[in-house]
Amino acid sequence: MPVPHGLRIHGVRVTRRALILVVVLVIVALSYASTLRVYVQQQHDLAVANQQVADESARLASLQSQLASWNDPAYVEAQARDRLGWVMPGDTGYRVVDDNGKPVGGGAIDSQLTPAATGPATAWWDRLWGSVETADAPKPQATP
C-alpha cells in the first residue's frame, strides 16, 4: 500500500511543507500582532505624555504671567484693596454688611483707625492657635 504524499482536506491535497508553512505564518502573525499592540500602546502613552507637557506648559505660562503682574505697583495696590481691605492714607474705607451684620467680600478698614481703637493687638501665634481651636470645633452650619 503506497504512503500518501499529502493530506486531503475537502478535496484539496495539503502537503507537510504547506502545513509547516501555515504554522510558521501563524506564529509570525501572532508575533507581529503582539509587537503591533505594544507599539500602539506606546504611541498612546506618548500622546498622553505630550498632552500633559502641553497642559503643564500652559499652566506655567499662566503662573509666570501672574508673577509678572505682581511687579506692577498698581496691581499690588489693587490686590491689597480687594483681598485685604486696605485703603490709602486719607481715604475713607467702607464695609458692606449683609442682613446679619457680617461683612460682605473683603471689606475695607478705615485708615484713620489706630490699632488701639480696633482692639488689643494679639500676637500672630495667638491668632494661629485660635484658628487651630476653631478648626477643631467648627460651628454647625444652618441648612437652607
Foldseek 3Di string as FASTA:
>chain_A
DDDDQADADPNDTHHPVNVVVVVVVVVVVVVVVVVVVVVVVVVVVVVVVVVVVVVVVVVVVVVVVVVVLVVDPVSVVVCCCQAQQEDDPPDAWAFDADPVRHGDGNGHDGPPDDPVNVPDDDDPVVVVVVVVVCVVPPDDDDDD
